Amino acid sequence: MNPEIEEDTYPAMDPRSPHPSFRESRRSTRVPLKVVVSVEGSTDHLTCEGETIVVNLHGASLLTETALQLGMEVSIQVFLTGKKARARVAYVHPKNPLHCGIELHEPQNIWGVPLPPEDWAESSTDRDRR
């Protein structure tokens, strides 16, 4: 997948976006990163591939081969890292249903970002589980 993305097409992706509620809800720094993922629906028999546009510790913006439904529970596997995580579809672009945002159930760097931003540091809860 290699669709061209115009900055104006996805205003929520632009840090200058006039959508403050979207920007203010950001819990960790976004990193532009293209990695191929597999998406599996938890309840339907949906399986498709996709590609990340930007990622953060709490989720990602994706372009998928199949439209996902808002609120849908999915499992994401990153081919580059082999890591898998449960997530929820938190956003579907109104003009392009193949563009969606997912929220990971547990914040984690499944994306393979080698030098993650400072605010991606593991919480004490994550360290305590080890």
Protein backbone atom coordinates (compact mmCIF):
# COMPACT_ATOMS: atom_id res chain seq x y z
CA MET A 1 0.00 0.00 0.00
CA ASN A 2 1.41 3.36 -0.92
CA PRO A 3 -1.42 5.89 -1.26
CA GLU A 4 -0.47 9.52 -1.40
CA ILE A 5 -1.62 11.49 1.63
CA GLU A 6 -2.23 15.18 1.32
CA GLU A 7 -1.78 17.17 4.53
CA ASP A 8 -5.18 18.84 4.09
CA THR A 9 -6.89 15.46 3.66
CA TYR A 10 -6.18 14.49 7.28
CA PRO A 11 -6.34 17.69 9.33
CA ALA A 12 -6.15 15.81 12.63
CA MET A 13 -2.68 14.61 11.61
CA ASP A 14 -1.41 18.18 11.29
CA PRO A 15 -0.04 19.65 14.55
CA ARG A 16 -1.40 23.03 13.40
CA SER A 17 -4.87 21.48 13.18
CA PRO A 18 -7.73 23.67 14.45
CA HIS A 19 -9.17 20.60 16.23
CA PRO A 20 -7.91 21.25 19.78
CA SER A 21 -9.84 18.42 21.41
CA PHE A 22 -8.06 15.94 19.17
CA ARG A 23 -4.60 17.42 19.88
CA GLU A 24 -5.24 17.80 23.62
CA SER A 25 -6.23 14.14 23.91
CA ARG A 26 -2.75 13.05 22.76
CA ARG A 27 -1.14 11.04 25.53
CA SER A 28 2.22 10.36 23.88
CA THR A 29 4.32 11.86 21.10
CA ARG A 30 3.42 10.82 17.56
CA VAL A 31 6.18 9.46 15.33
CA PRO A 32 5.77 9.29 11.53
CA LEU A 33 6.42 5.63 10.68
CA LYS A 34 5.35 3.35 7.86
CA VAL A 35 5.18 -0.29 8.87
CA VAL A 36 3.02 -3.06 7.47
CA VAL A 37 0.51 -4.55 9.89
CA SER A 38 -2.08 -7.29 9.90
CA VAL A 39 -5.50 -6.44 11.34
CA GLU A 40 -7.87 -9.11 12.63
CA GLY A 41 -11.38 -8.39 13.86
CA SER A 42 -12.17 -9.90 17.27
CA THR A 43 -15.77 -10.82 16.52
CA ASP A 44 -16.03 -10.85 12.71
CA HIS A 45 -13.95 -12.98 10.43
CA LEU A 46 -12.14 -9.90 9.16
CA THR A 47 -8.45 -10.08 8.32
CA CYS A 48 -6.64 -7.48 6.25
CA GLU A 49 -3.30 -5.79 5.87
CA GLY A 50 -2.61 -2.15 6.49
CA GLU A 51 0.16 0.37 6.89
CA THR A 52 0.79 2.84 9.67
CA ILE A 53 1.05 6.56 8.93
CA VAL A 54 2.01 7.74 12.41
CA VAL A 55 2.37 5.79 15.64
CA ASN A 56 2.57 6.53 19.34
CA LEU A 57 2.69 4.56 22.54
CA HIS A 58 -1.12 4.47 22.70
CA GLY A 59 -2.03 3.66 19.10
CA ALA A 60 -1.63 4.57 15.45
CA SER A 61 -3.16 6.07 12.37
CA LEU A 62 -3.56 3.39 9.69
CA LEU A 63 -4.51 2.91 6.09
CA THR A 64 -6.14 -0.50 5.65
CA GLU A 65 -7.25 -2.63 2.70
CA THR A 66 -10.73 -3.02 4.23
CA ALA A 67 -12.82 -0.41 6.01
CA LEU A 68 -12.96 -0.91 9.78
CA GLN A 69 -15.91 0.07 11.94
CA LEU A 70 -15.73 2.64 14.72
CA GLY A 71 -15.55 0.88 18.10
CA MET A 72 -14.51 -2.42 16.56
CA GLU A 73 -12.16 -4.58 18.67
CA VAL A 74 -9.13 -5.72 16.67
CA SER A 75 -5.81 -7.44 17.04
CA ILE A 76 -2.84 -5.73 15.37
CA GLN A 77 0.33 -7.58 14.40
CA VAL A 78 3.38 -5.64 13.24
CA PHE A 79 5.30 -7.66 10.65
CA LEU A 80 8.59 -5.81 11.32
CA THR A 81 8.67 -6.70 15.03
CA GLY A 82 6.40 -9.73 15.18
CA LYS A 83 4.61 -8.07 18.11
CA LYS A 84 0.86 -8.30 18.51
CA ALA A 85 -1.56 -6.19 20.57
CA ARG A 86 -5.28 -5.79 21.16
CA ALA A 87 -6.80 -2.46 20.12
CA ARG A 88 -10.02 -0.60 19.45
CA VAL A 89 -10.87 1.41 16.34
CA ALA A 90 -11.17 4.92 17.79
CA TYR A 91 -11.49 6.93 14.57
CA VAL A 92 -12.66 6.39 11.00
CA HIS A 93 -12.09 9.19 8.50
CA PRO A 94 -15.51 10.34 7.21
CA LYS A 95 -14.33 10.75 3.59
CA ASN A 96 -11.93 7.83 3.47
CA PRO A 97 -13.10 4.83 5.54
CA LEU A 98 -9.81 3.03 4.79
CA HIS A 99 -8.05 5.58 7.04
CA CYS A 100 -8.59 4.88 10.72
CA GLY A 101 -7.10 5.45 14.13
CA ILE A 102 -6.61 2.66 16.63
CA GLU A 103 -6.12 2.82 20.39
CA LEU A 104 -4.07 0.04 21.98
CA HIS A 105 -5.62 -1.56 25.07
CA GLU A 106 -2.22 -1.29 26.78
CA PRO A 107 0.31 1.42 25.87
CA GLN A 108 3.36 -0.19 24.28
CA ASN A 109 5.93 0.21 21.53
CA ILE A 110 4.89 -2.65 19.27
CA TRP A 111 5.96 -0.57 16.27
CA GLY A 112 9.71 -1.06 16.56
CA VAL A 113 10.61 2.60 17.10
CA PRO A 114 14.30 2.20 18.06
CA LEU A 115 14.73 5.56 19.84
CA PRO A 116 11.27 6.35 21.20
CA PRO A 117 10.39 9.83 22.48
CA GLU A 118 10.99 10.51 26.16
CA ASP A 119 7.28 10.33 27.02
CA TRP A 120 7.18 6.72 25.77
CA ALA A 121 9.12 5.55 28.86
CA GLU A 122 7.57 2.57 30.59
CA SER A 123 5.33 3.34 33.52
CA SER A 124 6.12 1.89 36.92
CA THR A 125 3.12 -0.42 36.46
CA ASP A 126 4.74 -1.92 33.36
CA ARG A 127 8.03 -2.42 35.21
CA ASP A 128 6.25 -4.02 38.18
CA ARG A 129 4.71 -6.71 35.94
CA ARG A 130 8.16 -8.09 35.04
